[in-house]
Amino acid sequence: MTLQECYAMFGGDYEGVVSRLRSEKTVKKFALKFLNDKSYELLCSSLEAGAYEEAFRASHTLKGLCQNLGFSRLLESSTRLTEALRYGWSAEAAGLVDEVADDYRQVARAVQQLEE
């Protein structure tokens, strides 16, 4: 699988990220590092524990990572979740957790295929 095909699988901004990071090699290097980032795991464990300030920080970190890597769909859902968690747990946040999880899994699967 090519990097461009990988980005197409999860609705990423391939052209934008290659333009910003200046080479496909650099983009691929950082995209593969995404699999080792613990922000999503921290988000999930924080939500489970009811630690909503920590969940907010984890979702904010995930959002920034997605912005840097051009993971557009996950960026959009994690941005909405971050804003919903800004002042604690809410019905809006509850409705966004599954969307972020789906988007995250889609990105992770595609990046894993890229790695193989």
C-alpha atoms as a PDB file:
ATOM      1  CA  MET A   1       0.000   0.000   0.000  1.00  0.00           C
ATOM      2  CA  THR A   2       1.235   3.465  -0.792  1.00  0.00           C
ATOM      3  CA  LEU A   3       1.070   6.340   1.659  1.00  0.00           C
ATOM      4  CA  GLN A   4      -1.468   8.067  -0.564  1.00  0.00           C
ATOM      5  CA  GLU A   5      -3.695   4.961  -0.547  1.00  0.00           C
ATOM      6  CA  CYS A   6      -3.369   4.814   3.229  1.00  0.00           C
ATOM      7  CA  TYR A   7      -4.569   8.402   3.583  1.00  0.00           C
ATOM      8  CA  ALA A   8      -7.446   7.738   1.195  1.00  0.00           C
ATOM      9  CA  MET A   9      -8.604   4.843   3.399  1.00  0.00           C
ATOM     10  CA  PHE A  10      -9.321   7.100   6.354  1.00  0.00           C
ATOM     11  CA  GLY A  11     -10.141  10.403   4.688  1.00  0.00           C
ATOM     12  CA  GLY A  12      -6.803  12.081   5.387  1.00  0.00           C
ATOM     13  CA  ASP A  13      -5.327  15.182   3.798  1.00  0.00           C
ATOM     14  CA  TYR A  14      -2.428  13.567   1.952  1.00  0.00           C
ATOM     15  CA  GLU A  15      -1.576  16.579  -0.217  1.00  0.00           C
ATOM     16  CA  GLY A  16      -1.672  18.981   2.719  1.00  0.00           C
ATOM     17  CA  VAL A  17       0.545  16.925   5.006  1.00  0.00           C
ATOM     18  CA  VAL A  18       3.124  16.188   2.297  1.00  0.00           C
ATOM     19  CA  SER A  19       3.171  19.889   1.497  1.00  0.00           C
ATOM     20  CA  ARG A  20       3.740  20.807   5.175  1.00  0.00           C
ATOM     21  CA  LEU A  21       6.275  18.108   6.025  1.00  0.00           C
ATOM     22  CA  ARG A  22       7.949  18.393   2.616  1.00  0.00           C
ATOM     23  CA  SER A  23       8.460  14.704   1.873  1.00  0.00           C
ATOM     24  CA  GLU A  24       6.500  11.493   1.751  1.00  0.00           C
ATOM     25  CA  LYS A  25       9.303   9.764   3.669  1.00  0.00           C
ATOM     26  CA  THR A  26       8.865  12.157   6.611  1.00  0.00           C
ATOM     27  CA  VAL A  27       5.089  11.807   6.570  1.00  0.00           C
ATOM     28  CA  LYS A  28       5.335   8.018   6.571  1.00  0.00           C
ATOM     29  CA  LYS A  29       7.831   8.081   9.445  1.00  0.00           C
ATOM     30  CA  PHE A  30       5.501  10.137  11.634  1.00  0.00           C
ATOM     31  CA  ALA A  31       2.339   8.328  10.526  1.00  0.00           C
ATOM     32  CA  LEU A  32       3.899   5.038  11.645  1.00  0.00           C
ATOM     33  CA  LYS A  33       4.798   6.590  15.012  1.00  0.00           C
ATOM     34  CA  PHE A  34       1.097   7.317  15.473  1.00  0.00           C
ATOM     35  CA  LEU A  35       0.590   3.646  16.339  1.00  0.00           C
ATOM     36  CA  ASN A  36       2.802   4.075  19.427  1.00  0.00           C
ATOM     37  CA  ASP A  37       1.169   7.266  20.681  1.00  0.00           C
ATOM     38  CA  LYS A  38      -0.757   6.728  23.938  1.00  0.00           C
ATOM     39  CA  SER A  39      -3.164   9.691  23.693  1.00  0.00           C
ATOM     40  CA  TYR A  40      -6.127   7.600  22.594  1.00  0.00           C
ATOM     41  CA  GLU A  41      -5.517   4.961  25.286  1.00  0.00           C
ATOM     42  CA  LEU A  42      -5.275   7.717  27.890  1.00  0.00           C
ATOM     43  CA  LEU A  43      -8.502   9.240  26.583  1.00  0.00           C
ATOM     44  CA  CYS A  44     -10.328   5.917  26.930  1.00  0.00           C
ATOM     45  CA  SER A  45      -8.970   5.104  30.394  1.00  0.00           C
ATOM     46  CA  SER A  46      -9.685   8.646  31.608  1.00  0.00           C
ATOM     47  CA  LEU A  47     -13.258   8.494  30.393  1.00  0.00           C
ATOM     48  CA  GLU A  48     -13.720   5.110  32.084  1.00  0.00           C
ATOM     49  CA  ALA A  49     -12.386   6.493  35.351  1.00  0.00           C
ATOM     50  CA  GLY A  50     -14.492   9.648  35.135  1.00  0.00           C
ATOM     51  CA  ALA A  51     -11.330  11.773  35.000  1.00  0.00           C
ATOM     52  CA  TYR A  52     -12.743  14.297  32.575  1.00  0.00           C
ATOM     53  CA  GLU A  53      -9.989  16.919  32.874  1.00  0.00           C
ATOM     54  CA  GLU A  54      -7.455  14.264  31.943  1.00  0.00           C
ATOM     55  CA  ALA A  55      -9.751  13.060  29.143  1.00  0.00           C
ATOM     56  CA  PHE A  56      -9.925  16.628  27.864  1.00  0.00           C
ATOM     57  CA  ARG A  57      -6.116  16.880  27.781  1.00  0.00           C
ATOM     58  CA  ALA A  58      -5.814  13.493  26.041  1.00  0.00           C
ATOM     59  CA  SER A  59      -8.401  14.428  23.406  1.00  0.00           C
ATOM     60  CA  HIS A  60      -6.664  17.775  22.903  1.00  0.00           C
ATOM     61  CA  THR A  61      -3.324  15.999  22.385  1.00  0.00           C
ATOM     62  CA  LEU A  62      -4.941  13.547  19.954  1.00  0.00           C
ATOM     63  CA  LYS A  63      -6.486  16.465  18.088  1.00  0.00           C
ATOM     64  CA  GLY A  64      -3.107  18.182  17.720  1.00  0.00           C
ATOM     65  CA  LEU A  65      -1.462  15.011  16.510  1.00  0.00           C
ATOM     66  CA  CYS A  66      -4.186  14.545  13.903  1.00  0.00           C
ATOM     67  CA  GLN A  67      -3.844  18.138  12.774  1.00  0.00           C
ATOM     68  CA  ASN A  68      -0.094  17.740  12.275  1.00  0.00           C
ATOM     69  CA  LEU A  69      -0.486  14.454  10.403  1.00  0.00           C
ATOM     70  CA  GLY A  70      -3.452  15.473   8.239  1.00  0.00           C
ATOM     71  CA  PHE A  71      -5.795  12.829   9.718  1.00  0.00           C
ATOM     72  CA  SER A  72      -8.810  14.931   8.743  1.00  0.00           C
ATOM     73  CA  ARG A  73     -11.759  12.789   9.816  1.00  0.00           C
ATOM     74  CA  LEU A  74     -10.223  11.898  13.192  1.00  0.00           C
ATOM     75  CA  LEU A  75      -9.194  15.538  13.583  1.00  0.00           C
ATOM     76  CA  GLU A  76     -12.798  16.649  13.132  1.00  0.00           C
ATOM     77  CA  SER A  77     -14.288  14.159  15.584  1.00  0.00           C
ATOM     78  CA  SER A  78     -11.539  14.632  18.200  1.00  0.00           C
ATOM     79  CA  THR A  79     -11.914  18.416  17.925  1.00  0.00           C
ATOM     80  CA  ARG A  80     -15.639  18.154  18.631  1.00  0.00           C
ATOM     81  CA  LEU A  81     -14.963  15.809  21.559  1.00  0.00           C
ATOM     82  CA  THR A  82     -12.280  18.126  22.942  1.00  0.00           C
ATOM     83  CA  GLU A  83     -14.675  21.051  22.906  1.00  0.00           C
ATOM     84  CA  ALA A  84     -17.452  18.962  24.449  1.00  0.00           C
ATOM     85  CA  LEU A  85     -15.090  17.902  27.281  1.00  0.00           C
ATOM     86  CA  ARG A  86     -13.720  21.396  27.858  1.00  0.00           C
ATOM     87  CA  TYR A  87     -16.059  21.945  30.824  1.00  0.00           C
ATOM     88  CA  GLY A  88     -16.520  18.330  31.886  1.00  0.00           C
ATOM     89  CA  TRP A  89     -18.739  15.454  30.904  1.00  0.00           C
ATOM     90  CA  SER A  90     -21.904  16.160  28.945  1.00  0.00           C
ATOM     91  CA  ALA A  91     -24.489  14.441  26.774  1.00  0.00           C
ATOM     92  CA  GLU A  92     -22.714  15.928  23.768  1.00  0.00           C
ATOM     93  CA  ALA A  93     -19.409  14.314  24.801  1.00  0.00           C
ATOM     94  CA  ALA A  94     -21.131  10.977  25.346  1.00  0.00           C
ATOM     95  CA  GLY A  95     -22.467  11.115  21.809  1.00  0.00           C
ATOM     96  CA  LEU A  96     -19.015  11.755  20.337  1.00  0.00           C
ATOM     97  CA  VAL A  97     -17.000   9.023  22.060  1.00  0.00           C
ATOM     98  CA  ASP A  98     -18.090   6.274  19.649  1.00  0.00           C
ATOM     99  CA  GLU A  99     -17.423   8.474  16.623  1.00  0.00           C
ATOM    100  CA  VAL A 100     -13.868   9.185  17.790  1.00  0.00           C
ATOM    101  CA  ALA A 101     -13.360   5.478  18.506  1.00  0.00           C
ATOM    102  CA  ASP A 102     -14.532   4.513  15.014  1.00  0.00           C
ATOM    103  CA  ASP A 103     -12.363   7.155  13.361  1.00  0.00           C
ATOM    104  CA  TYR A 104      -9.356   6.146  15.463  1.00  0.00           C
ATOM    105  CA  ARG A 105      -9.739   2.458  14.573  1.00  0.00           C
ATOM    106  CA  GLN A 106     -10.007   3.311  10.896  1.00  0.00           C
ATOM    107  CA  VAL A 107      -6.772   5.328  10.977  1.00  0.00           C
ATOM    108  CA  ALA A 108      -4.959   2.705  13.055  1.00  0.00           C
ATOM    109  CA  ARG A 109      -5.983  -0.120  10.673  1.00  0.00           C
ATOM    110  CA  ALA A 110      -4.813   1.816   7.628  1.00  0.00           C
ATOM    111  CA  VAL A 111      -1.495   2.778   9.219  1.00  0.00           C
ATOM    112  CA  GLN A 112      -0.946  -0.831  10.315  1.00  0.00           C
ATOM    113  CA  GLN A 113      -1.475  -1.932   6.708  1.00  0.00           C
ATOM    114  CA  LEU A 114       1.011   0.712   5.595  1.00  0.00           C
ATOM    115  CA  GLU A 115       3.537  -0.694   8.052  1.00  0.00           C
ATOM    116  CA  GLU A 116       3.226  -4.238   6.669  1.00  0.00           C
END
